[in-house]
PDB file of N, CA and C in Angstrom:
ATOM      1  N   UNK A   1     161.685  22.655  51.357  1.00  0.00           N
ATOM      2  CA  UNK A   1     160.578  22.614  52.304  1.00  0.00           C
ATOM      3  C   UNK A   1     160.746  23.688  53.374  1.00  0.00           C
ATOM      4  N   UNK A   2     161.981  23.845  53.817  1.00  0.00           N
ATOM      5  CA  UNK A   2     162.254  24.838  54.857  1.00  0.00           C
ATOM      6  C   UNK A   2     161.988  26.245  54.324  1.00  0.00           C
ATOM      7  N   UNK A   3     162.342  26.478  53.061  1.00  0.00           N
ATOM      8  CA  UNK A   3     162.127  27.788  52.446  1.00  0.00           C
ATOM      9  C   UNK A   3     160.634  28.084  52.327  1.00  0.00           C
ATOM     10  N   UNK A   4     159.844  27.107  51.931  1.00  0.00           N
ATOM     11  CA  UNK A   4     158.400  27.289  51.800  1.00  0.00           C
ATOM     12  C   UNK A   4     157.751  27.577  53.149  1.00  0.00           C
ATOM     13  N   UNK A   5     158.205  26.891  54.178  1.00  0.00           N
ATOM     14  CA  UNK A   5     157.660  27.100  55.515  1.00  0.00           C
ATOM     15  C   UNK A   5     157.945  28.526  55.978  1.00  0.00           C
ATOM     16  N   UNK A   6     159.165  28.992  55.777  1.00  0.00           N
ATOM     17  CA  UNK A   6     159.509  30.359  56.175  1.00  0.00           C
ATOM     18  C   UNK A   6     158.736  31.389  55.364  1.00  0.00           C
ATOM     19  N   UNK A   7     158.516  31.113  54.088  1.00  0.00           N
ATOM     20  CA  UNK A   7     157.757  32.030  53.247  1.00  0.00           C
ATOM     21  C   UNK A   7     156.315  32.144  53.725  1.00  0.00           C
ATOM     22  N   UNK A   8     155.687  31.021  54.039  1.00  0.00           N
ATOM     23  CA  UNK A   8     154.298  31.039  54.511  1.00  0.00           C
ATOM     24  C   UNK A   8     154.178  31.730  55.864  1.00  0.00           C
ATOM     25  N   UNK A   9     155.127  31.491  56.749  1.00  0.00           N
ATOM     26  CA  UNK A   9     155.102  32.154  58.057  1.00  0.00           C
ATOM     27  C   UNK A   9     155.291  33.650  57.888  1.00  0.00           C
ATOM     28  N   UNK A  10     156.194  34.050  57.005  1.00  0.00           N
ATOM     29  CA  UNK A  10     156.414  35.466  56.751  1.00  0.00           C
ATOM     30  C   UNK A  10     155.186  36.141  56.162  1.00  0.00           C
ATOM     31  N   UNK A  11     154.509  35.466  55.246  1.00  0.00           N
ATOM     32  CA  UNK A  11     153.285  36.022  54.673  1.00  0.00           C
ATOM     33  C   UNK A  11     152.181  36.144  55.717  1.00  0.00           C
ATOM     34  N   UNK A  12     152.035  35.133  56.548  1.00  0.00           N
ATOM     35  CA  UNK A  12     150.991  35.161  57.571  1.00  0.00           C
ATOM     36  C   UNK A  12     151.240  36.279  58.581  1.00  0.00           C
ATOM     37  N   UNK A  13     152.473  36.449  59.007  1.00  0.00           N
ATOM     38  CA  UNK A  13     152.759  37.507  59.972  1.00  0.00           C
ATOM     39  C   UNK A  13     152.626  38.889  59.349  1.00  0.00           C
ATOM     40  N   UNK A  14     152.970  39.032  58.082  1.00  0.00           N
ATOM     41  CA  UNK A  14     152.811  40.345  57.448  1.00  0.00           C
ATOM     42  C   UNK A  14     151.338  40.706  57.272  1.00  0.00           C
ATOM     43  N   UNK A  15     150.513  39.731  56.929  1.00  0.00           N
ATOM     44  CA  UNK A  15     149.072  39.996  56.811  1.00  0.00           C
ATOM     45  C   UNK A  15     148.488  40.323  58.181  1.00  0.00           C
ATOM     46  N   UNK A  16     148.903  39.614  59.205  1.00  0.00           N
ATOM     47  CA  UNK A  16     148.410  39.889  60.558  1.00  0.00           C
ATOM     48  C   UNK A  16     148.831  41.271  61.028  1.00  0.00           C
ATOM     49  N   UNK A  17     150.045  41.672  60.714  1.00  0.00           N
ATOM     50  CA  UNK A  17     150.514  43.006  61.105  1.00  0.00           C
ATOM     51  C   UNK A  17     149.769  44.094  60.331  1.00  0.00           C
ATOM     52  N   UNK A  18     149.450  43.819  59.088  1.00  0.00           N
ATOM     53  CA  UNK A  18     148.721  44.791  58.272  1.00  0.00           C
ATOM     54  C   UNK A  18     147.295  44.966  58.768  1.00  0.00           C
ATOM     55  N   UNK A  19     146.659  43.885  59.185  1.00  0.00           N
ATOM     56  CA  UNK A  19     145.265  43.940  59.619  1.00  0.00           C
ATOM     57  C   UNK A  19     145.098  44.253  61.094  1.00  0.00           C
ATOM     58  N   UNK A  20     146.159  44.366  61.849  1.00  0.00           N
ATOM     59  CA  UNK A  20     146.063  44.603  63.283  1.00  0.00           C
ATOM     60  C   UNK A  20     145.306  45.888  63.638  1.00  0.00           C
ATOM     61  N   UNK A  21     145.528  47.031  62.948  1.00  0.00           N
ATOM     62  CA  UNK A  21     144.789  48.245  63.340  1.00  0.00           C
ATOM     63  C   UNK A  21     143.278  48.141  63.147  1.00  0.00           C
ATOM     64  N   UNK A  22     142.824  47.303  62.246  1.00  0.00           N
ATOM     65  CA  UNK A  22     141.384  47.194  62.018  1.00  0.00           C
ATOM     66  C   UNK A  22     140.826  45.869  62.526  1.00  0.00           C
ATOM     67  N   UNK A  23     141.506  45.268  63.465  1.00  0.00           N
ATOM     68  CA  UNK A  23     141.049  43.962  63.957  1.00  0.00           C
ATOM     69  C   UNK A  23     139.703  44.057  64.660  1.00  0.00           C
ATOM     70  N   UNK A  24     139.444  45.172  65.340  1.00  0.00           N
ATOM     71  CA  UNK A  24     138.145  45.340  65.989  1.00  0.00           C
ATOM     72  C   UNK A  24     137.015  45.402  64.979  1.00  0.00           C
ATOM     73  N   UNK A  25     137.263  46.081  63.867  1.00  0.00           N
ATOM     74  CA  UNK A  25     136.248  46.153  62.813  1.00  0.00           C
ATOM     75  C   UNK A  25     136.000  44.793  62.191  1.00  0.00           C
ATOM     76  N   UNK A  26     137.055  44.042  62.005  1.00  0.00           N
ATOM     77  CA  UNK A  26     136.912  42.715  61.414  1.00  0.00           C
ATOM     78  C   UNK A  26     136.131  41.796  62.346  1.00  0.00           C
ATOM     79  N   UNK A  27     136.410  41.882  63.645  1.00  0.00           N
ATOM     80  CA  UNK A  27     135.684  41.045  64.609  1.00  0.00           C
ATOM     81  C   UNK A  27     134.200  41.398  64.636  1.00  0.00           C
ATOM     82  N   UNK A  28     133.880  42.693  64.603  1.00  0.00           N
ATOM     83  CA  UNK A  28     132.469  43.079  64.621  1.00  0.00           C
ATOM     84  C   UNK A  28     131.773  42.693  63.325  1.00  0.00           C
ATOM     85  N   UNK A  29     132.487  42.763  62.202  1.00  0.00           N
ATOM     86  CA  UNK A  29     131.915  42.331  60.932  1.00  0.00           C
ATOM     87  C   UNK A  29     131.630  40.834  60.944  1.00  0.00           C
ATOM     88  N   UNK A  30     132.548  40.049  61.472  1.00  0.00           N
ATOM     89  CA  UNK A  30     132.337  38.606  61.562  1.00  0.00           C
ATOM     90  C   UNK A  30     131.193  38.271  62.516  1.00  0.00           C
ATOM     91  N   UNK A  31     131.059  39.047  63.598  1.00  0.00           N
ATOM     92  CA  UNK A  31     129.958  38.826  64.531  1.00  0.00           C
ATOM     93  C   UNK A  31     128.619  39.110  63.855  1.00  0.00           C
ATOM     94  N   UNK A  32     128.545  40.194  63.087  1.00  0.00           N
ATOM     95  CA  UNK A  32     127.304  40.504  62.366  1.00  0.00           C
ATOM     96  C   UNK A  32     126.982  39.420  61.346  1.00  0.00           C
ATOM     97  N   UNK A  33     127.982  38.938  60.652  1.00  0.00           N
ATOM     98  CA  UNK A  33     127.768  37.867  59.684  1.00  0.00           C
ATOM     99  C   UNK A  33     127.270  36.599  60.356  1.00  0.00           C
ATOM    100  N   UNK A  34     127.829  36.283  61.518  1.00  0.00           N
ATOM    101  CA  UNK A  34     127.408  35.090  62.245  1.00  0.00           C
ATOM    102  C   UNK A  34     125.974  35.240  62.749  1.00  0.00           C
ATOM    103  N   UNK A  35     125.622  36.417  63.246  1.00  0.00           N
ATOM    104  CA  UNK A  35     124.262  36.628  63.734  1.00  0.00           C
ATOM    105  C   UNK A  35     123.239  36.545  62.609  1.00  0.00           C
ATOM    106  N   UNK A  36     123.551  37.094  61.448  1.00  0.00           N
ATOM    107  CA  UNK A  36     122.609  36.994  60.337  1.00  0.00           C
ATOM    108  C   UNK A  36     122.493  35.558  59.843  1.00  0.00           C
ATOM    109  N   UNK A  37     123.581  34.806  59.909  1.00  0.00           N
ATOM    110  CA  UNK A  37     123.513  33.401  59.498  1.00  0.00           C
ATOM    111  C   UNK A  37     122.628  32.603  60.448  1.00  0.00           C
ATOM    112  N   UNK A  38     122.793  32.835  61.750  1.00  0.00           N
ATOM    113  CA  UNK A  38     121.958  32.124  62.717  1.00  0.00           C
ATOM    114  C   UNK A  38     120.496  32.516  62.572  1.00  0.00           C
ATOM    115  N   UNK A  39     120.225  33.804  62.362  1.00  0.00           N
ATOM    116  CA  UNK A  39     118.828  34.215  62.243  1.00  0.00           C
ATOM    117  C   UNK A  39     118.197  33.638  60.971  1.00  0.00           C
ATOM    118  N   UNK A  40     118.952  33.558  59.887  1.00  0.00           N
ATOM    119  CA  UNK A  40     118.417  32.952  58.668  1.00  0.00           C
ATOM    120  C   UNK A  40     118.169  31.463  58.870  1.00  0.00           C
ATOM    121  N   UNK A  41     119.045  30.803  59.608  1.00  0.00           N
ATOM    122  CA  UNK A  41     118.857  29.375  59.890  1.00  0.00           C
ATOM    123  C   UNK A  41     117.586  29.146  60.702  1.00  0.00           C
ATOM    124  N   UNK A  42     117.397  29.928  61.760  1.00  0.00           N
ATOM    125  CA  UNK A  42     116.224  29.734  62.600  1.00  0.00           C
ATOM    126  C   UNK A  42     114.948  30.142  61.889  1.00  0.00           C
ATOM    127  N   UNK A  43     115.021  31.164  61.028  1.00  0.00           N
ATOM    128  CA  UNK A  43     113.851  31.538  60.253  1.00  0.00           C
ATOM    129  C   UNK A  43     113.480  30.432  59.268  1.00  0.00           C
ATOM    130  N   UNK A  44     114.480  29.786  58.679  1.00  0.00           N
ATOM    131  CA  UNK A  44     114.210  28.658  57.793  1.00  0.00           C
ATOM    132  C   UNK A  44     113.593  27.492  58.531  1.00  0.00           C
ATOM    133  N   UNK A  45     114.087  27.219  59.729  1.00  0.00           N
ATOM    134  CA  UNK A  45     113.499  26.140  60.533  1.00  0.00           C
ATOM    135  C   UNK A  45     112.051  26.454  60.889  1.00  0.00           C
ATOM    136  N   UNK A  46     111.785  27.704  61.241  1.00  0.00           N
ATOM    137  CA  UNK A  46     110.427  28.100  61.581  1.00  0.00           C
ATOM    138  C   UNK A  46     109.524  27.972  60.366  1.00  0.00           C
ATOM    139  N   UNK A  47     110.008  28.396  59.206  1.00  0.00           N
ATOM    140  CA  UNK A  47     109.206  28.321  57.990  1.00  0.00           C
ATOM    141  C   UNK A  47     108.838  26.890  57.658  1.00  0.00           C
ATOM    142  N   UNK A  48     109.802  25.998  57.778  1.00  0.00           N
ATOM    143  CA  UNK A  48     109.539  24.605  57.444  1.00  0.00           C
ATOM    144  C   UNK A  48     108.512  24.003  58.398  1.00  0.00           C
ATOM    145  N   UNK A  49     108.650  24.291  59.691  1.00  0.00           N
ATOM    146  CA  UNK A  49     107.746  23.659  60.655  1.00  0.00           C
ATOM    147  C   UNK A  49     106.361  24.282  60.663  1.00  0.00           C
ATOM    148  N   UNK A  50     106.267  25.601  60.590  1.00  0.00           N
ATOM    149  CA  UNK A  50     104.971  26.262  60.744  1.00  0.00           C
ATOM    150  C   UNK A  50     104.234  26.446  59.427  1.00  0.00           C
ATOM    151  N   UNK A  51     104.867  27.084  58.482  1.00  0.00           N
ATOM    152  CA  UNK A  51     104.170  27.451  57.249  1.00  0.00           C
ATOM    153  C   UNK A  51     103.847  26.226  56.413  1.00  0.00           C
ATOM    154  N   UNK A  52     104.800  25.327  56.257  1.00  0.00           N
ATOM    155  CA  UNK A  52     104.500  24.132  55.472  1.00  0.00           C
ATOM    156  C   UNK A  52     103.501  23.224  56.171  1.00  0.00           C
ATOM    157  N   UNK A  53     103.495  23.225  57.494  1.00  0.00           N
ATOM    158  CA  UNK A  53     102.493  22.436  58.213  1.00  0.00           C
ATOM    159  C   UNK A  53     101.097  23.000  57.976  1.00  0.00           C
ATOM    160  N   UNK A  54     100.973  24.312  57.922  1.00  0.00           N
ATOM    161  CA  UNK A  54      99.668  24.918  57.629  1.00  0.00           C
ATOM    162  C   UNK A  54      99.226  24.610  56.206  1.00  0.00           C
ATOM    163  N   UNK A  55     100.159  24.618  55.272  1.00  0.00           N
ATOM    164  CA  UNK A  55      99.798  24.299  53.894  1.00  0.00           C
ATOM    165  C   UNK A  55      99.378  22.842  53.765  1.00  0.00           C
ATOM    166  N   UNK A  56     100.030  21.968  54.502  1.00  0.00           N
ATOM    167  CA  UNK A  56      99.658  20.553  54.443  1.00  0.00           C
ATOM    168  C   UNK A  56      98.265  20.332  55.004  1.00  0.00           C
ATOM    169  N   UNK A  57      97.940  21.047  56.077  1.00  0.00           N
ATOM    170  CA  UNK A  57      96.625  20.888  56.675  1.00  0.00           C
ATOM    171  C   UNK A  57      95.522  21.470  55.796  1.00  0.00           C
ATOM    172  N   UNK A  58      95.833  22.528  55.062  1.00  0.00           N
ATOM    173  CA  UNK A  58      94.789  23.165  54.251  1.00  0.00           C
ATOM    174  C   UNK A  58      94.480  22.388  52.986  1.00  0.00           C
ATOM    175  N   UNK A  59      95.365  21.510  52.568  1.00  0.00           N
ATOM    176  CA  UNK A  59      95.114  20.716  51.389  1.00  0.00           C
ATOM    177  C   UNK A  59      95.725  21.293  50.127  1.00  0.00           C
ATOM    178  N   UNK A  60      96.150  22.557  50.159  1.00  0.00           N
ATOM    179  CA  UNK A  60      96.753  23.162  48.969  1.00  0.00           C
ATOM    180  C   UNK A  60      98.064  22.468  48.629  1.00  0.00           C
ATOM    181  N   UNK A  61      98.750  22.039  49.655  1.00  0.00           N
ATOM    182  CA  UNK A  61     100.018  21.340  49.431  1.00  0.00           C
ATOM    183  C   UNK A  61      99.770  20.014  48.721  1.00  0.00           C
ATOM    184  N   UNK A  62      98.737  19.295  49.125  1.00  0.00           N
ATOM    185  CA  UNK A  62      98.460  17.997  48.518  1.00  0.00           C
ATOM    186  C   UNK A  62      97.996  18.138  47.073  1.00  0.00           C
ATOM    187  N   UNK A  63      97.236  19.184  46.760  1.00  0.00           N
ATOM    188  CA  UNK A  63      96.781  19.388  45.397  1.00  0.00           C
ATOM    189  C   UNK A  63      97.957  19.629  44.476  1.00  0.00           C
ATOM    190  N   UNK A  64      98.882  20.455  44.920  1.00  0.00           N
ATOM    191  CA  UNK A  64     100.069  20.726  44.100  1.00  0.00           C
ATOM    192  C   UNK A  64     100.957  19.491  44.006  1.00  0.00           C
ATOM    193  N   UNK A  65     101.051  18.735  45.073  1.00  0.00           N
ATOM    194  CA  UNK A  65     101.899  17.552  45.076  1.00  0.00           C
ATOM    195  C   UNK A  65     101.348  16.495  44.102  1.00  0.00           C
ATOM    196  N   UNK A  66     100.032  16.331  44.087  1.00  0.00           N
ATOM    197  CA  UNK A  66      99.431  15.343  43.200  1.00  0.00           C
ATOM    198  C   UNK A  66      99.513  15.760  41.730  1.00  0.00           C
ATOM    199  N   UNK A  67      99.552  17.052  41.466  1.00  0.00           N
ATOM    200  CA  UNK A  67      99.604  17.512  40.082  1.00  0.00           C
ATOM    201  C   UNK A  67     100.974  17.293  39.464  1.00  0.00           C
ATOM    202  N   UNK A  68     101.991  17.044  40.266  1.00  0.00           N
ATOM    203  CA  UNK A  68     103.313  16.769  39.716  1.00  0.00           C
ATOM    204  C   UNK A  68     103.335  15.389  39.201  1.00  0.00           C
TER     205      UNK A  68
END
């Protein structure tokens, strides 16, 4: 168990040391990924509330729903 713990700590520190020079790039990449995820989430929420509500009011949604 002690050997495995030391091996995992050694691997983690070596990966951290290897990625240290590009840590700023990694942080900005993660920030961009997070922003696109949030924007996709909010766009999905908007689509569900606005667009589907308009389809329900127009009756096209009900026609398709009844045909199933």
